[in-house]
Amino acid sequence: MHYGLNITNCAFAQTNNNWGWLIGNWGGIGIGKPGEGKGTFSFGHQLNNNIIVRKSHSEYPSRDSKKMTVYDDLLVVYLDENKNLSKAIYFDNEGHVINYSITYPEKKITFLSETKPNQPIFRLIYSLLENNEVNTAFEISMDGKNFNTYIERKIKKI
């Protein structure tokens, strides 16, 4: 017996139109609180097109008395109970785990973390630009309304 989703009959196929421009390998240089760094990431379909996985790797060179920082993470986008790509879970090499909801404003994919008492709220935004470029912004808020940019970078498909 097969318990998987049939990609041709589920909302994944429809929502996938929101992801076509972001699927692939990307690289770029960004600035933010950790300093200027470079990074790569990839978005790809996995598990017979039932999820989308992002793998990310960033490096921030040594500065002042700090040694080089290497940062790796994994983000899994999955179908909710209504078979919409509206949920994600994030893991990184620092031990963070973040649950996100996803929305699709025009030419953007926005991840917003769950609200927890006395915890920051995180927002990750991918914005489609011209010439195969995407702007990524990772923002933090304590009230869910006033977000401050932690890291931002323009990236190109590679």
C-alpha atoms as a PDB file:
ATOM      1  CA  MET A   1       0.000   0.000   0.000  1.00  0.00           C
ATOM      2  CA  HIS A   2       1.318   3.454  -0.924  1.00  0.00           C
ATOM      3  CA  TYR A   3       0.698   6.318   1.512  1.00  0.00           C
ATOM      4  CA  GLY A   4       2.510   9.062  -0.434  1.00  0.00           C
ATOM      5  CA  LEU A   5       0.916  12.022  -2.179  1.00  0.00           C
ATOM      6  CA  ASN A   6       0.326  11.986  -5.886  1.00  0.00           C
ATOM      7  CA  ILE A   7       2.063  15.171  -7.022  1.00  0.00           C
ATOM      8  CA  THR A   8      -0.222  15.634 -10.009  1.00  0.00           C
ATOM      9  CA  ASN A   9      -3.360  15.671  -7.858  1.00  0.00           C
ATOM     10  CA  CYS A  10      -2.314  17.794  -4.895  1.00  0.00           C
ATOM     11  CA  ALA A  11      -1.928  21.459  -4.096  1.00  0.00           C
ATOM     12  CA  PHE A  12       1.861  20.978  -4.208  1.00  0.00           C
ATOM     13  CA  ALA A  13       1.696  21.046  -7.995  1.00  0.00           C
ATOM     14  CA  GLN A  14      -0.247  24.320  -7.935  1.00  0.00           C
ATOM     15  CA  THR A  15       1.845  25.937  -5.195  1.00  0.00           C
ATOM     16  CA  ASN A  16       4.985  24.763  -6.953  1.00  0.00           C
ATOM     17  CA  ASN A  17       4.446  27.612  -9.422  1.00  0.00           C
ATOM     18  CA  ASN A  18       5.484  29.907  -6.568  1.00  0.00           C
ATOM     19  CA  TRP A  19       8.787  28.047  -6.244  1.00  0.00           C
ATOM     20  CA  GLY A  20       9.969  27.585  -9.826  1.00  0.00           C
ATOM     21  CA  TRP A  21      12.165  30.697  -9.791  1.00  0.00           C
ATOM     22  CA  LEU A  22      13.861  29.693  -6.531  1.00  0.00           C
ATOM     23  CA  ILE A  23      14.632  26.032  -7.283  1.00  0.00           C
ATOM     24  CA  GLY A  24      18.326  25.571  -8.058  1.00  0.00           C
ATOM     25  CA  ASN A  25      21.768  26.569  -6.763  1.00  0.00           C
ATOM     26  CA  TRP A  26      22.549  30.102  -5.616  1.00  0.00           C
ATOM     27  CA  GLY A  27      25.568  32.049  -4.358  1.00  0.00           C
ATOM     28  CA  GLY A  28      26.461  35.535  -3.266  1.00  0.00           C
ATOM     29  CA  ILE A  29      27.987  37.952  -0.781  1.00  0.00           C
ATOM     30  CA  GLY A  30      26.002  39.613   1.962  1.00  0.00           C
ATOM     31  CA  ILE A  31      26.262  41.947   4.909  1.00  0.00           C
ATOM     32  CA  GLY A  32      24.732  41.906   8.348  1.00  0.00           C
ATOM     33  CA  LYS A  33      25.351  41.629  12.040  1.00  0.00           C
ATOM     34  CA  PRO A  34      27.893  38.789  11.647  1.00  0.00           C
ATOM     35  CA  GLY A  35      29.798  40.958   9.137  1.00  0.00           C
ATOM     36  CA  GLU A  36      30.359  40.561   5.431  1.00  0.00           C
ATOM     37  CA  GLY A  37      30.272  36.967   4.332  1.00  0.00           C
ATOM     38  CA  LYS A  38      29.766  34.712   1.370  1.00  0.00           C
ATOM     39  CA  GLY A  39      27.429  31.829   1.002  1.00  0.00           C
ATOM     40  CA  THR A  40      25.680  29.326  -1.159  1.00  0.00           C
ATOM     41  CA  PHE A  41      22.383  27.530  -0.919  1.00  0.00           C
ATOM     42  CA  SER A  42      20.228  25.248  -2.977  1.00  0.00           C
ATOM     43  CA  PHE A  43      16.507  24.569  -3.135  1.00  0.00           C
ATOM     44  CA  GLY A  44      15.387  21.256  -4.574  1.00  0.00           C
ATOM     45  CA  HIS A  45      12.482  18.838  -4.663  1.00  0.00           C
ATOM     46  CA  GLN A  46      12.888  15.712  -2.557  1.00  0.00           C
ATOM     47  CA  LEU A  47      10.895  12.599  -1.602  1.00  0.00           C
ATOM     48  CA  ASN A  48       9.129  12.210  -4.916  1.00  0.00           C
ATOM     49  CA  ASN A  49       8.305  15.952  -5.023  1.00  0.00           C
ATOM     50  CA  ASN A  50       6.491  15.910  -1.672  1.00  0.00           C
ATOM     51  CA  ILE A  51       8.867  18.373   0.019  1.00  0.00           C
ATOM     52  CA  ILE A  52      11.342  21.097  -0.915  1.00  0.00           C
ATOM     53  CA  VAL A  53      14.723  21.134   0.839  1.00  0.00           C
ATOM     54  CA  ARG A  54      17.097  24.061   1.179  1.00  0.00           C
ATOM     55  CA  LYS A  55      20.697  23.407   2.170  1.00  0.00           C
ATOM     56  CA  SER A  56      22.749  26.483   3.026  1.00  0.00           C
ATOM     57  CA  HIS A  57      26.419  27.152   3.761  1.00  0.00           C
ATOM     58  CA  SER A  58      27.872  30.544   4.779  1.00  0.00           C
ATOM     59  CA  GLU A  59      31.336  31.680   5.799  1.00  0.00           C
ATOM     60  CA  TYR A  60      32.237  34.864   7.639  1.00  0.00           C
ATOM     61  CA  PRO A  61      35.981  35.686   7.608  1.00  0.00           C
ATOM     62  CA  SER A  62      37.918  36.264  10.801  1.00  0.00           C
ATOM     63  CA  ARG A  63      37.830  39.818  12.091  1.00  0.00           C
ATOM     64  CA  ASP A  64      39.070  41.498  15.225  1.00  0.00           C
ATOM     65  CA  SER A  65      39.814  38.631  17.608  1.00  0.00           C
ATOM     66  CA  LYS A  66      37.149  36.311  16.194  1.00  0.00           C
ATOM     67  CA  LYS A  67      38.076  33.353  14.024  1.00  0.00           C
ATOM     68  CA  MET A  68      36.268  32.495  10.789  1.00  0.00           C
ATOM     69  CA  THR A  69      32.646  31.436  11.334  1.00  0.00           C
ATOM     70  CA  VAL A  70      31.081  28.659   9.291  1.00  0.00           C
ATOM     71  CA  TYR A  71      27.333  28.347   9.311  1.00  0.00           C
ATOM     72  CA  ASP A  72      25.288  25.486   7.839  1.00  0.00           C
ATOM     73  CA  ASP A  73      21.551  24.954   7.893  1.00  0.00           C
ATOM     74  CA  LEU A  74      18.751  22.810   6.515  1.00  0.00           C
ATOM     75  CA  LEU A  75      15.192  23.956   5.781  1.00  0.00           C
ATOM     76  CA  VAL A  76      12.414  21.531   4.891  1.00  0.00           C
ATOM     77  CA  VAL A  77       9.237  22.899   3.281  1.00  0.00           C
ATOM     78  CA  TYR A  78       6.293  20.565   3.562  1.00  0.00           C
ATOM     79  CA  LEU A  79       2.573  20.264   2.900  1.00  0.00           C
ATOM     80  CA  ASP A  80       0.117  21.255   5.626  1.00  0.00           C
ATOM     81  CA  GLU A  81      -3.078  19.314   6.434  1.00  0.00           C
ATOM     82  CA  ASN A  82      -4.763  20.972   3.422  1.00  0.00           C
ATOM     83  CA  LYS A  83      -1.919  19.897   1.118  1.00  0.00           C
ATOM     84  CA  ASN A  84      -0.594  23.449   0.670  1.00  0.00           C
ATOM     85  CA  LEU A  85       3.114  24.277   0.855  1.00  0.00           C
ATOM     86  CA  SER A  86       2.633  26.540   3.862  1.00  0.00           C
ATOM     87  CA  LYS A  87       4.896  25.033   6.534  1.00  0.00           C
ATOM     88  CA  ALA A  88       8.643  24.672   7.037  1.00  0.00           C
ATOM     89  CA  ILE A  89      11.063  23.551   9.711  1.00  0.00           C
ATOM     90  CA  TYR A  90      14.623  24.857  10.012  1.00  0.00           C
ATOM     91  CA  PHE A  91      17.731  23.337  11.646  1.00  0.00           C
ATOM     92  CA  ASP A  92      21.274  24.740  11.904  1.00  0.00           C
ATOM     93  CA  ASN A  93      24.715  23.769  13.157  1.00  0.00           C
ATOM     94  CA  GLU A  94      24.225  25.988  16.239  1.00  0.00           C
ATOM     95  CA  GLY A  95      21.304  23.852  17.444  1.00  0.00           C
ATOM     96  CA  HIS A  96      18.459  26.188  16.462  1.00  0.00           C
ATOM     97  CA  VAL A  97      15.121  24.753  15.363  1.00  0.00           C
ATOM     98  CA  ILE A  98      12.496  27.122  13.941  1.00  0.00           C
ATOM     99  CA  ASN A  99       8.986  26.308  12.737  1.00  0.00           C
ATOM    100  CA  TYR A 100       7.756  28.623   9.982  1.00  0.00           C
ATOM    101  CA  SER A 101       4.525  29.406   8.176  1.00  0.00           C
ATOM    102  CA  ILE A 102       4.908  30.456   4.529  1.00  0.00           C
ATOM    103  CA  THR A 103       3.079  33.068   2.469  1.00  0.00           C
ATOM    104  CA  TYR A 104       3.480  34.060  -1.160  1.00  0.00           C
ATOM    105  CA  PRO A 105       3.144  37.804  -1.749  1.00  0.00           C
ATOM    106  CA  GLU A 106       3.838  38.777  -5.361  1.00  0.00           C
ATOM    107  CA  LYS A 107       7.369  37.793  -6.473  1.00  0.00           C
ATOM    108  CA  LYS A 108       8.256  36.805  -2.880  1.00  0.00           C
ATOM    109  CA  ILE A 109       8.292  33.825  -0.578  1.00  0.00           C
ATOM    110  CA  THR A 110       8.029  34.813   3.081  1.00  0.00           C
ATOM    111  CA  PHE A 111       8.711  32.560   6.070  1.00  0.00           C
ATOM    112  CA  LEU A 112       7.426  33.732   9.480  1.00  0.00           C
ATOM    113  CA  SER A 113       8.317  31.880  12.677  1.00  0.00           C
ATOM    114  CA  GLU A 114       5.853  30.816  15.318  1.00  0.00           C
ATOM    115  CA  THR A 115       5.125  33.302  18.060  1.00  0.00           C
ATOM    116  CA  LYS A 116       6.348  32.165  21.472  1.00  0.00           C
ATOM    117  CA  PRO A 117       6.200  34.199  24.696  1.00  0.00           C
ATOM    118  CA  ASN A 118       9.394  36.160  25.379  1.00  0.00           C
ATOM    119  CA  GLN A 119      11.048  34.812  22.213  1.00  0.00           C
ATOM    120  CA  PRO A 120      12.077  36.696  19.082  1.00  0.00           C
ATOM    121  CA  ILE A 121      10.079  36.280  15.886  1.00  0.00           C
ATOM    122  CA  PHE A 122      12.032  35.531  12.727  1.00  0.00           C
ATOM    123  CA  ARG A 123      11.163  36.412   9.154  1.00  0.00           C
ATOM    124  CA  LEU A 124      13.002  35.131   6.093  1.00  0.00           C
ATOM    125  CA  ILE A 125      12.116  36.736   2.757  1.00  0.00           C
ATOM    126  CA  TYR A 126      13.161  35.708  -0.742  1.00  0.00           C
ATOM    127  CA  SER A 127      12.363  38.434  -3.290  1.00  0.00           C
ATOM    128  CA  LEU A 128      12.675  37.878  -7.027  1.00  0.00           C
ATOM    129  CA  LEU A 129      14.744  40.571  -8.745  1.00  0.00           C
ATOM    130  CA  GLU A 130      15.749  40.956 -12.390  1.00  0.00           C
ATOM    131  CA  ASN A 131      18.625  39.147 -14.147  1.00  0.00           C
ATOM    132  CA  ASN A 132      18.324  35.850 -12.243  1.00  0.00           C
ATOM    133  CA  GLU A 133      18.934  37.581  -8.915  1.00  0.00           C
ATOM    134  CA  VAL A 134      17.154  37.137  -5.618  1.00  0.00           C
ATOM    135  CA  ASN A 135      17.352  39.281  -2.504  1.00  0.00           C
ATOM    136  CA  THR A 136      17.337  37.347   0.761  1.00  0.00           C
ATOM    137  CA  ALA A 137      16.655  39.027   4.070  1.00  0.00           C
ATOM    138  CA  PHE A 138      16.627  37.449   7.527  1.00  0.00           C
ATOM    139  CA  GLU A 139      14.906  39.705  10.039  1.00  0.00           C
ATOM    140  CA  ILE A 140      14.219  39.612  13.786  1.00  0.00           C
ATOM    141  CA  SER A 141      11.426  41.188  15.828  1.00  0.00           C
ATOM    142  CA  MET A 142      10.342  41.048  19.461  1.00  0.00           C
ATOM    143  CA  ASP A 143       6.774  42.223  18.767  1.00  0.00           C
ATOM    144  CA  GLY A 144       6.068  40.731  15.326  1.00  0.00           C
ATOM    145  CA  LYS A 145       5.584  44.197  13.821  1.00  0.00           C
ATOM    146  CA  ASN A 146       8.939  45.975  13.934  1.00  0.00           C
ATOM    147  CA  PHE A 147      11.554  43.832  12.201  1.00  0.00           C
ATOM    148  CA  ASN A 148      15.287  44.567  12.085  1.00  0.00           C
ATOM    149  CA  THR A 149      17.455  43.100   9.346  1.00  0.00           C
ATOM    150  CA  TYR A 150      20.054  40.677  10.693  1.00  0.00           C
ATOM    151  CA  ILE A 151      21.489  39.528   7.352  1.00  0.00           C
ATOM    152  CA  GLU A 152      20.708  40.609   3.795  1.00  0.00           C
ATOM    153  CA  ARG A 153      22.254  39.654   0.485  1.00  0.00           C
ATOM    154  CA  LYS A 154      21.667  39.618  -3.229  1.00  0.00           C
ATOM    155  CA  ILE A 155      22.389  36.299  -4.819  1.00  0.00           C
ATOM    156  CA  LYS A 156      22.658  34.903  -8.309  1.00  0.00           C
ATOM    157  CA  LYS A 157      21.794  31.523  -9.730  1.00  0.00           C
ATOM    158  CA  ILE A 158      24.945  29.475 -10.286  1.00  0.00           C
END
